[in-house]
Amino acid sequence: MLKDVISIEGVGHSFDAVNDAFAVITTEGNCTIYNSVDEKNCTNIDGVFTGLGVYSEREFYISEGFTSKIIDLNSLEITGASFKIDVIQGDRIISSEKEERKRYLISRLKNGSIEWKIPLKRGKHIYLDQKILVNSQYLDDGKINGYDLSDGSLIWVFDFVALGTWQDYDDREKQTQVNKILGIYDDKIYLYLNSGKILILDIKSGEKIAILKNDKHSKFDTFGNSIELDIKNRKLIQLANQDLIEVDLESLEVNQTAIEDMKSFGLENFSLIVFDSDFIFFTDKNHQTLGALNRVTYKIDWTHKLSQQGISESEQPRYGRDLKLKGDRLYVLDNKNTLHIFEN
């Protein structure tokens, strides 16, 4: 199972990995690129960077203000770009430009020039697929738009006014909105709503197909923000408290399984998860423990208690805050700005 291979202190808000290399934005705003888990095999890039991500299998990008730098991991050559990279998918980039702080969909590039661009409205949520871009607007708009990536044309609009309002736990009435775009499967896009339901739209027309409720919960008919789309296994999955919730994407049937091992270990999960075909990885913030749930046996096959050494009783304890699963490695950034790397 996983072993703790390295911990790196002073990591800020961003980190990412590709193959054996990984990069971090430090708490001072600089970027450090590691070609291996050996801390000595690294390259520092000075600046005040606000974003970081994978540009290709051998390149990272870092954003600085409304410009970006693309770093080749083989030569460490840096190419400047006159725009900020927000989202990247295939040969498309979502970019922010300084002029009126507008956002654009642009073609991918390596020489600093933009071949074409399509203006976007201010978006709260953006999902970029190979053929379509989905852009959810802020609350003053209340719509989600679908764009054809072949020519940038607007092909459909879904207005959330059609879904009406819902009552929160304090009986306040709220307009239904999208909280998270889960992804696309079989020409359907899955949207997690602020009401806790799942909205399914036809990706070609934008028409509503269904709204999913959790009909297996004893008290609530909702899902949590940690729900994810597992395309490979054709499921929606969520690890909530001590229950595994799965939705079959063909039948839309909801199954809820109590994880007895989590009860035995005294573990619970209320945070976002990462997963592969074999395991669901989670962070129990209240007990400062990381865990791996076996998706076949429903057993907890691995746990790791984060060290509280050097933290006084008056301080908030160390817990996992942000998880990423890349290849055979699990990357966990804790609330004390330390990146923990685990490897099979």
Protein backbone atom coordinates (compact mmCIF):
# COMPACT_ATOMS: atom_id res chain seq x y z
CA MET A 1 0.00 0.00 0.00
CA LEU A 2 1.09 3.64 0.15
CA LYS A 3 4.24 4.75 1.93
CA ASP A 4 5.20 8.28 2.98
CA VAL A 5 8.14 9.27 0.76
CA ILE A 6 8.60 13.01 1.35
CA SER A 7 7.09 16.09 3.02
CA ILE A 8 7.80 19.59 1.69
CA GLU A 9 7.13 22.62 3.88
CA GLY A 10 6.25 26.13 2.75
CA VAL A 11 3.84 25.14 -0.04
CA GLY A 12 1.19 27.73 -0.86
CA HIS A 13 -2.13 27.44 -2.64
CA SER A 14 -1.10 25.49 -5.77
CA PHE A 15 0.63 22.25 -6.65
CA ASP A 16 0.42 19.80 -9.54
CA ALA A 17 2.20 16.77 -10.98
CA VAL A 18 2.86 15.02 -14.27
CA ASN A 19 4.66 11.68 -14.57
CA ASP A 20 7.50 11.74 -11.98
CA ALA A 21 7.75 15.54 -11.83
CA PHE A 22 5.75 17.86 -9.62
CA ALA A 23 5.66 21.60 -9.02
CA VAL A 24 4.53 23.88 -6.20
CA ILE A 25 3.84 27.55 -5.62
CA THR A 26 5.57 28.42 -2.37
CA THR A 27 4.08 30.54 0.38
CA GLU A 28 6.35 33.35 -0.87
CA GLY A 29 4.88 33.10 -4.37
CA ASN A 30 7.84 31.46 -6.12
CA CYS A 31 7.60 28.26 -8.15
CA THR A 32 9.71 25.17 -7.44
CA ILE A 33 9.80 22.27 -9.89
CA TYR A 34 10.93 18.83 -8.70
CA ASN A 35 11.98 16.27 -11.30
CA SER A 36 11.82 13.54 -8.66
CA VAL A 37 10.97 13.09 -4.98
CA ASP A 38 14.57 14.01 -4.19
CA GLU A 39 14.41 17.57 -2.81
CA LYS A 40 17.90 18.27 -4.20
CA ASN A 41 16.78 17.67 -7.80
CA CYS A 42 14.72 20.83 -8.15
CA THR A 43 14.59 24.16 -10.00
CA ASN A 44 13.44 27.45 -8.48
CA ILE A 45 11.71 30.18 -10.51
CA ASP A 46 11.38 33.56 -8.84
CA GLY A 47 8.17 35.55 -9.10
CA VAL A 48 4.79 36.10 -7.50
CA PHE A 49 2.76 33.39 -9.20
CA THR A 50 -0.99 32.96 -8.80
CA GLY A 51 -1.63 29.75 -10.74
CA LEU A 52 0.03 26.48 -11.70
CA GLY A 53 -0.91 23.49 -13.81
CA VAL A 54 0.10 20.84 -16.31
CA TYR A 55 0.49 22.15 -19.87
CA SER A 56 1.58 18.85 -21.47
CA GLU A 57 3.27 15.60 -20.46
CA ARG A 58 6.60 17.42 -20.22
CA GLU A 59 5.52 20.99 -19.42
CA PHE A 60 4.09 23.02 -16.56
CA TYR A 61 2.51 26.45 -16.81
CA ILE A 62 2.59 29.14 -14.14
CA SER A 63 0.50 32.32 -14.11
CA GLU A 64 1.73 35.69 -12.94
CA GLY A 65 -0.88 38.42 -12.97
CA PHE A 66 -2.40 38.34 -16.45
CA THR A 67 0.59 36.61 -18.09
CA SER A 68 1.91 33.05 -18.02
CA LYS A 69 5.13 31.11 -18.39
CA ILE A 70 5.42 27.63 -19.92
CA ILE A 71 8.34 25.56 -18.59
CA ASP A 72 9.80 22.64 -20.54
CA LEU A 73 10.85 19.96 -18.04
CA ASN A 74 13.59 18.56 -20.28
CA SER A 75 15.43 21.77 -21.17
CA LEU A 76 13.94 24.03 -18.44
CA GLU A 77 13.39 26.54 -21.24
CA ILE A 78 10.73 29.13 -20.34
CA THR A 79 8.31 30.50 -22.95
CA GLY A 80 6.29 33.60 -22.09
CA ALA A 81 2.61 34.03 -22.96
CA SER A 82 0.75 37.34 -22.90
CA PHE A 83 -2.30 35.91 -21.12
CA LYS A 84 -3.27 34.09 -17.95
CA ILE A 85 -4.05 30.37 -18.25
CA ASP A 86 -7.11 29.44 -16.16
CA VAL A 87 -8.20 26.09 -17.57
CA ILE A 88 -6.57 23.81 -20.15
CA GLN A 89 -8.02 20.85 -22.04
CA GLY A 90 -6.53 19.26 -25.13
CA ASP A 91 -5.76 22.05 -27.60
CA ARG A 92 -7.96 24.68 -25.90
CA ILE A 93 -7.25 27.15 -23.11
CA ILE A 94 -9.52 29.33 -21.00
CA SER A 95 -7.62 32.59 -20.61
CA SER A 96 -8.06 35.82 -18.68
CA GLU A 97 -6.79 39.03 -20.27
CA LYS A 98 -6.12 42.27 -18.45
CA GLU A 99 -8.32 44.34 -20.72
CA GLU A 100 -11.54 44.80 -18.74
CA ARG A 101 -10.62 41.52 -16.96
CA LYS A 102 -12.36 39.55 -19.73
CA ARG A 103 -12.17 35.81 -20.16
CA TYR A 104 -11.60 34.11 -23.50
CA LEU A 105 -11.50 30.66 -25.00
CA ILE A 106 -8.37 30.56 -27.14
CA SER A 107 -6.39 28.08 -29.21
CA ARG A 108 -3.48 26.34 -27.58
CA LEU A 109 -0.09 27.76 -28.48
CA LYS A 110 3.61 27.51 -27.77
CA ASN A 111 5.03 30.54 -29.55
CA GLY A 112 3.23 33.27 -27.62
CA SER A 113 0.73 34.13 -30.34
CA ILE A 114 -3.03 33.63 -30.26
CA GLU A 115 -4.59 32.10 -33.37
CA TRP A 116 -8.20 32.88 -32.41
CA LYS A 117 -10.30 33.66 -29.34
CA ILE A 118 -13.95 33.62 -28.31
CA PRO A 119 -15.16 36.05 -25.62
CA LEU A 120 -16.88 34.47 -22.60
CA LYS A 121 -19.17 36.02 -20.05
CA ARG A 122 -17.93 36.11 -16.50
CA GLY A 123 -18.19 32.50 -15.46
CA LYS A 124 -18.58 30.97 -12.03
CA HIS A 125 -18.07 27.42 -13.34
CA ILE A 126 -16.41 26.33 -16.56
CA TYR A 127 -16.18 22.81 -17.96
CA LEU A 128 -14.11 22.23 -21.08
CA ASP A 129 -14.55 19.02 -23.05
CA GLN A 130 -13.11 18.00 -26.42
CA LYS A 131 -16.13 19.27 -28.37
CA ILE A 132 -18.08 21.56 -26.06
CA LEU A 133 -17.52 24.26 -23.46
CA VAL A 134 -20.06 24.70 -20.67
CA ASN A 135 -20.07 28.06 -18.89
CA SER A 136 -22.26 28.72 -15.82
CA GLN A 137 -22.93 32.38 -15.11
CA TYR A 138 -22.97 34.25 -11.82
CA LEU A 139 -26.16 34.57 -9.81
CA ASP A 140 -27.23 37.80 -11.52
CA ASP A 141 -27.52 35.80 -14.76
CA GLY A 142 -28.65 32.38 -13.53
CA LYS A 143 -27.95 30.54 -16.76
CA ILE A 144 -25.61 27.88 -18.07
CA ASN A 145 -24.41 28.04 -21.69
CA GLY A 146 -23.09 25.41 -24.09
CA TYR A 147 -20.64 26.40 -26.86
CA ASP A 148 -19.60 24.38 -29.92
CA LEU A 149 -15.78 24.30 -29.94
CA SER A 150 -15.60 23.80 -33.72
CA ASP A 151 -16.70 27.39 -34.37
CA GLY A 152 -17.35 28.94 -30.94
CA SER A 153 -21.08 29.31 -31.54
CA LEU A 154 -23.59 29.31 -28.67
CA ILE A 155 -25.67 26.16 -29.17
CA TRP A 156 -27.88 26.16 -26.10
CA VAL A 157 -28.82 28.02 -22.90
CA PHE A 158 -30.42 26.53 -19.80
CA ASP A 159 -32.13 28.97 -17.44
CA PHE A 160 -32.25 27.87 -13.79
CA VAL A 161 -35.40 29.90 -13.27
CA ALA A 162 -37.16 26.91 -14.82
CA LEU A 163 -36.16 24.83 -11.77
CA GLY A 164 -37.69 27.27 -9.30
CA THR A 165 -36.55 27.76 -5.72
CA TRP A 166 -35.83 25.53 -2.75
CA GLN A 167 -35.79 25.96 1.05
CA ASP A 168 -32.52 25.81 2.95
CA TYR A 169 -32.14 24.27 6.43
CA ASP A 170 -33.12 27.62 7.97
CA ASP A 171 -36.27 27.81 5.78
CA ARG A 172 -34.80 30.56 3.60
CA GLU A 173 -35.93 30.36 -0.01
CA LYS A 174 -33.11 30.19 -2.57
CA GLN A 175 -32.97 30.16 -6.34
CA THR A 176 -31.64 26.88 -7.72
CA GLN A 177 -28.11 27.25 -9.12
CA VAL A 178 -25.24 24.99 -10.12
CA ASN A 179 -22.59 24.41 -7.43
CA LYS A 180 -20.28 22.13 -9.42
CA ILE A 181 -20.02 20.77 -12.94
CA LEU A 182 -19.29 17.07 -12.49
CA GLY A 183 -18.58 16.22 -16.12
CA ILE A 184 -19.93 14.62 -19.27
CA TYR A 185 -20.83 10.98 -19.88
CA ASP A 186 -22.75 9.46 -22.81
CA ASP A 187 -23.81 12.86 -24.22
CA LYS A 188 -25.15 13.95 -20.83
CA ILE A 189 -23.71 16.60 -18.54
CA TYR A 190 -24.07 16.13 -14.78
CA LEU A 191 -24.44 19.20 -12.57
CA TYR A 192 -24.42 19.30 -8.77
CA LEU A 193 -26.96 21.90 -7.63
CA ASN A 194 -26.98 24.12 -4.55
CA SER A 195 -30.11 22.23 -3.45
CA GLY A 196 -28.05 19.02 -3.19
CA LYS A 197 -29.74 17.42 -6.21
CA ILE A 198 -28.08 16.34 -9.49
CA LEU A 199 -29.30 17.90 -12.72
CA ILE A 200 -28.74 15.95 -15.95
CA LEU A 201 -28.85 17.85 -19.25
CA ASP A 202 -28.58 16.66 -22.84
CA ILE A 203 -25.17 17.94 -23.92
CA LYS A 204 -26.29 18.54 -27.51
CA SER A 205 -29.51 20.44 -26.82
CA GLY A 206 -29.27 21.61 -23.21
CA GLU A 207 -32.65 20.06 -22.44
CA LYS A 208 -33.34 18.68 -18.99
CA ILE A 209 -33.26 14.88 -18.80
CA ALA A 210 -33.68 14.29 -15.07
CA ILE A 211 -33.08 15.58 -11.56
CA LEU A 212 -31.58 12.97 -9.24
CA LYS A 213 -32.40 12.72 -5.54
CA ASN A 214 -30.81 10.51 -2.91
CA ASP A 215 -33.80 8.33 -2.14
CA LYS A 216 -31.75 5.99 0.08
CA HIS A 217 -30.97 8.48 2.88
CA SER A 218 -33.15 8.13 5.96
CA LYS A 219 -33.49 11.90 6.57
CA PHE A 220 -32.38 13.84 3.48
CA ASP A 221 -32.91 13.33 -0.25
CA THR A 222 -29.73 15.21 -1.18
CA PHE A 223 -26.11 14.52 -2.14
CA GLY A 224 -23.05 16.31 -0.80
CA ASN A 225 -20.47 18.54 -2.47
CA SER A 226 -17.94 15.67 -2.45
CA ILE A 227 -19.86 13.73 -5.12
CA GLU A 228 -17.79 12.93 -8.22
CA LEU A 229 -18.34 11.48 -11.70
CA ASP A 230 -16.53 8.17 -12.23
CA ILE A 231 -16.71 7.76 -16.00
CA LYS A 232 -14.69 4.53 -16.15
CA ASN A 233 -17.09 2.71 -13.83
CA ARG A 234 -20.16 4.60 -15.10
CA LYS A 235 -21.10 5.86 -11.66
CA LEU A 236 -21.52 8.91 -9.49
CA ILE A 237 -19.68 8.27 -6.21
CA GLN A 238 -19.58 9.98 -2.85
CA LEU A 239 -18.05 9.08 0.51
CA ALA A 240 -20.18 10.93 3.05
CA ASN A 241 -19.63 10.53 6.78
CA GLN A 242 -19.36 6.73 7.00
CA ASP A 243 -21.45 5.83 3.94
CA LEU A 244 -20.51 5.12 0.32
CA ILE A 245 -23.13 6.44 -2.09
CA GLU A 246 -23.10 5.24 -5.69
CA VAL A 247 -25.43 6.10 -8.58
CA ASP A 248 -25.53 3.81 -11.61
CA LEU A 249 -25.47 6.09 -14.67
CA GLU A 250 -27.47 3.64 -16.79
CA SER A 251 -30.38 2.93 -14.43
CA LEU A 252 -29.94 6.06 -12.23
CA GLU A 253 -30.44 3.78 -9.23
CA VAL A 254 -28.95 5.05 -5.96
CA ASN A 255 -27.16 2.64 -3.62
CA GLN A 256 -25.95 3.56 -0.13
CA THR A 257 -23.57 1.26 1.77
CA ALA A 258 -22.55 1.72 5.39
CA ILE A 259 -18.76 1.30 5.70
CA GLU A 260 -18.34 -0.74 8.86
CA ASP A 261 -14.54 -0.33 8.81
CA MET A 262 -14.92 3.45 9.10
CA LYS A 263 -17.02 2.93 12.20
CA SER A 264 -14.46 0.49 13.63
CA PHE A 265 -11.56 2.87 12.92
CA GLY A 266 -13.55 5.86 14.16
CA LEU A 267 -13.19 7.63 10.80
CA GLU A 268 -15.54 9.89 8.86
CA ASN A 269 -15.38 12.00 5.73
CA PHE A 270 -16.97 15.36 4.95
CA SER A 271 -14.40 16.52 2.38
CA LEU A 272 -13.69 16.13 -1.33
CA ILE A 273 -12.32 12.77 -2.43
CA VAL A 274 -9.93 11.46 -5.09
CA PHE A 275 -10.20 7.98 -6.56
CA ASP A 276 -9.07 5.37 -9.05
CA SER A 277 -10.58 2.02 -10.03
CA ASP A 278 -9.42 0.36 -6.80
CA PHE A 279 -9.59 2.96 -4.01
CA ILE A 280 -11.29 6.09 -2.77
CA PHE A 281 -8.87 8.33 -0.87
CA PHE A 282 -10.20 10.74 1.76
CA THR A 283 -9.11 13.01 4.57
CA ASP A 284 -10.76 12.92 7.98
CA LYS A 285 -10.12 16.46 9.16
CA ASN A 286 -11.59 15.92 12.61
CA HIS A 287 -9.24 13.02 13.34
CA GLN A 288 -6.29 14.29 11.24
CA THR A 289 -6.15 10.99 9.36
CA LEU A 290 -5.88 10.06 5.67
CA GLY A 291 -7.52 6.87 4.46
CA ALA A 292 -8.07 4.60 1.47
CA LEU A 293 -11.34 2.73 1.01
CA ASN A 294 -11.14 -0.46 -1.06
CA ARG A 295 -13.92 -0.20 -3.65
CA VAL A 296 -14.33 -3.97 -3.93
CA THR A 297 -14.20 -5.14 -0.31
CA TYR A 298 -15.44 -1.87 1.29
CA LYS A 299 -12.56 -2.21 3.76
CA ILE A 300 -10.16 0.51 4.88
CA ASP A 301 -6.86 -0.79 3.48
CA TRP A 302 -4.66 2.15 4.48
CA THR A 303 -4.58 4.97 7.00
CA HIS A 304 -2.01 7.62 7.84
CA LYS A 305 -2.17 9.80 10.92
CA LEU A 306 -0.65 13.21 10.23
CA SER A 307 2.04 14.19 12.72
CA GLN A 308 1.14 16.93 15.20
CA GLN A 309 4.77 17.43 16.24
CA GLY A 310 5.59 21.08 16.90
CA ILE A 311 1.92 22.11 17.04
CA SER A 312 0.70 23.41 20.38
CA GLU A 313 -2.65 22.50 21.92
CA SER A 314 -3.89 26.05 21.32
CA GLU A 315 -3.31 25.74 17.57
CA GLN A 316 -5.54 24.11 15.01
CA PRO A 317 -4.27 20.55 14.45
CA ARG A 318 -2.69 19.49 11.18
CA TYR A 319 -5.11 17.90 8.71
CA GLY A 320 -5.24 17.12 4.99
CA ARG A 321 -6.79 19.99 3.04
CA ASP A 322 -6.28 19.28 -0.67
CA LEU A 323 -5.78 15.86 -2.29
CA LYS A 324 -4.58 14.94 -5.79
CA LEU A 325 -3.99 11.48 -7.22
CA LYS A 326 -1.44 11.38 -10.04
CA GLY A 327 -0.21 7.99 -11.27
CA ASP A 328 1.06 5.94 -8.34
CA ARG A 329 1.32 8.96 -6.04
CA LEU A 330 -1.09 10.60 -3.64
CA TYR A 331 -0.34 14.29 -2.99
CA VAL A 332 -1.84 15.85 0.14
CA LEU A 333 -1.47 19.53 1.05
CA ASP A 334 -2.25 20.13 4.71
CA ASN A 335 -3.53 23.26 6.45
CA LYS A 336 -0.01 24.04 7.71
CA ASN A 337 1.36 24.46 4.15
CA THR A 338 3.17 21.12 4.04
CA LEU A 339 2.84 18.88 0.98
CA HIS A 340 2.91 15.16 1.81
CA ILE A 341 3.67 12.70 -1.00
CA PHE A 342 2.76 9.02 -0.74
CA GLU A 343 3.74 6.36 -3.26
CA ASN A 344 2.95 2.74 -3.98
